[in-house]
Amino acid sequence: GNFLYVAEDPDAAWQRIAPYAMHEMNAYGRWIAEAGTSGPYRPVDDPDALRATGQYQVVTPDELIGIAREMSGLDSILFHPLMGGMDPELSWASLRLFEAEVLPALRAPQASEGQQE
């Protein structure tokens, strides 16, 4: 995906983010179509269909921790905080949640399987 957002309630967050995602997808989609080239953007008229593409991921902190732990050394977590002109407060909410809940979990050593606590 080209966008990642962390929220306790992904469905509610998507409702707030969707207009910005639609704007970005449609603006870039039009430019690509007008240029006669191809790319990951194409005009879309349904926010639910856009979300289903996976290009705009909205996940809980626990989901992101799970995703990150499955990543290889070549993968990365990429934020696009002001995507589509998104309200900075929406962006900060996700970044702060990542800092408070995801980052500490990823920095903590994982217990090995079979290890006694």
Protein backbone atom coordinates (compact mmCIF):
# COMPACT_ATOMS: atom_id res chain seq x y z
CA GLY A 1 0.00 0.00 0.00
CA ASN A 2 1.01 3.60 -0.36
CA PHE A 3 -0.64 4.80 2.85
CA LEU A 4 -0.72 3.48 6.39
CA TYR A 5 -2.82 4.77 9.26
CA VAL A 6 -2.95 3.44 12.83
CA ALA A 7 -6.22 3.74 14.75
CA GLU A 8 -8.00 2.03 17.61
CA ASP A 9 -11.15 1.96 15.45
CA PRO A 10 -10.10 1.50 11.79
CA ASP A 11 -13.67 1.72 10.43
CA ALA A 12 -14.33 5.07 12.11
CA ALA A 13 -10.90 6.34 11.05
CA TRP A 14 -11.53 5.31 7.45
CA GLN A 15 -14.71 7.39 7.40
CA ARG A 16 -12.62 10.47 8.27
CA ILE A 17 -9.73 9.59 5.94
CA ALA A 18 -11.73 8.44 2.91
CA PRO A 19 -12.33 11.91 1.39
CA TYR A 20 -8.58 12.58 1.36
CA ALA A 21 -7.79 9.15 -0.07
CA MET A 22 -10.44 9.63 -2.76
CA HIS A 23 -8.99 13.03 -3.65
CA GLU A 24 -5.46 11.65 -3.94
CA MET A 25 -6.47 8.56 -5.92
CA ASN A 26 -8.65 10.53 -8.32
CA ALA A 27 -6.23 13.44 -8.85
CA TYR A 28 -3.29 11.16 -9.58
CA GLY A 29 -5.52 8.78 -11.52
CA ARG A 30 -6.65 11.60 -13.82
CA TRP A 31 -3.08 12.81 -14.36
CA ILE A 32 -1.89 9.30 -15.22
CA ALA A 33 -4.82 8.75 -17.60
CA GLU A 34 -4.25 12.13 -19.30
CA ALA A 35 -0.54 11.34 -19.70
CA GLY A 36 -1.38 7.98 -21.26
CA THR A 37 0.82 6.13 -18.81
CA SER A 38 0.12 3.49 -16.19
CA GLY A 39 0.52 3.52 -12.44
CA PRO A 40 -1.05 2.51 -9.15
CA TYR A 41 -3.64 5.31 -9.30
CA ARG A 42 -6.91 5.23 -11.23
CA PRO A 43 -10.14 7.17 -10.83
CA VAL A 44 -12.58 5.56 -8.39
CA ASP A 45 -15.99 6.68 -7.17
CA ASP A 46 -16.60 4.41 -4.16
CA PRO A 47 -14.64 4.82 -0.90
CA ASP A 48 -15.34 1.21 0.11
CA ALA A 49 -13.97 -0.07 -3.19
CA LEU A 50 -10.91 2.14 -2.69
CA ARG A 51 -10.34 0.75 0.79
CA ALA A 52 -10.67 -2.80 -0.53
CA THR A 53 -7.72 -2.25 -2.90
CA GLY A 54 -5.37 -2.30 0.11
CA GLN A 55 -3.56 0.81 -1.08
CA TYR A 56 -4.89 2.75 1.91
CA GLN A 57 -4.39 0.56 4.96
CA VAL A 58 -6.01 1.51 8.26
CA VAL A 59 -5.00 -0.90 11.03
CA THR A 60 -5.06 -1.21 14.80
CA PRO A 61 -1.80 -0.99 16.76
CA ASP A 62 -1.90 -4.76 17.37
CA GLU A 63 -2.47 -5.45 13.67
CA LEU A 64 0.51 -3.29 12.75
CA ILE A 65 2.69 -5.01 15.34
CA GLY A 66 1.77 -8.35 13.76
CA ILE A 67 2.45 -7.05 10.26
CA ALA A 68 5.80 -5.60 11.31
CA ARG A 69 6.92 -8.80 12.98
CA GLU A 70 6.30 -10.71 9.74
CA MET A 71 8.35 -8.25 7.67
CA SER A 72 11.73 -9.10 6.20
CA GLY A 73 14.80 -6.92 6.56
CA LEU A 74 14.04 -5.30 3.21
CA ASP A 75 10.48 -4.25 4.12
CA SER A 76 9.58 -0.93 5.68
CA ILE A 77 6.68 0.80 7.38
CA LEU A 78 5.85 3.89 5.36
CA PHE A 79 3.63 6.70 6.57
CA HIS A 80 2.21 9.36 4.24
CA PRO A 81 0.88 11.68 6.97
CA LEU A 82 -0.51 14.54 4.88
CA MET A 83 -1.88 12.33 2.09
CA GLY A 84 -4.37 14.13 -0.12
CA GLY A 85 -4.26 17.26 2.05
CA MET A 86 -5.30 15.33 5.16
CA ASP A 87 -6.00 17.35 8.30
CA PRO A 88 -2.74 17.44 10.33
CA GLU A 89 -4.62 16.48 13.51
CA LEU A 90 -5.71 13.23 11.84
CA SER A 91 -2.10 12.61 10.87
CA TRP A 92 -0.78 13.34 14.35
CA ALA A 93 -3.34 10.98 15.92
CA SER A 94 -1.94 8.06 13.89
CA LEU A 95 1.71 8.99 14.41
CA ARG A 96 1.22 9.40 18.17
CA LEU A 97 -0.54 6.04 18.42
CA PHE A 98 2.33 4.44 16.50
CA GLU A 99 4.83 6.07 18.86
CA ALA A 100 2.93 5.14 22.03
CA GLU A 101 1.80 1.59 21.26
CA VAL A 102 3.52 0.12 18.21
CA LEU A 103 7.11 1.32 18.52
CA PRO A 104 7.61 0.18 22.13
CA ALA A 105 6.26 -3.29 21.25
CA LEU A 106 8.63 -3.57 18.30
CA ARG A 107 11.60 -2.45 20.38
CA ALA A 108 10.86 -4.94 23.17
CA PRO A 109 12.52 -8.34 22.81
CA GLN A 110 10.05 -11.09 21.97
CA ALA A 111 9.86 -14.11 24.25
CA SER A 112 11.21 -17.18 22.49
CA GLU A 113 8.82 -20.09 22.10
CA GLY A 114 9.15 -22.59 24.91
CA GLN A 115 10.95 -20.08 27.11
CA GLN A 116 9.77 -19.89 30.73
CA GLU A 117 8.82 -16.46 32.01
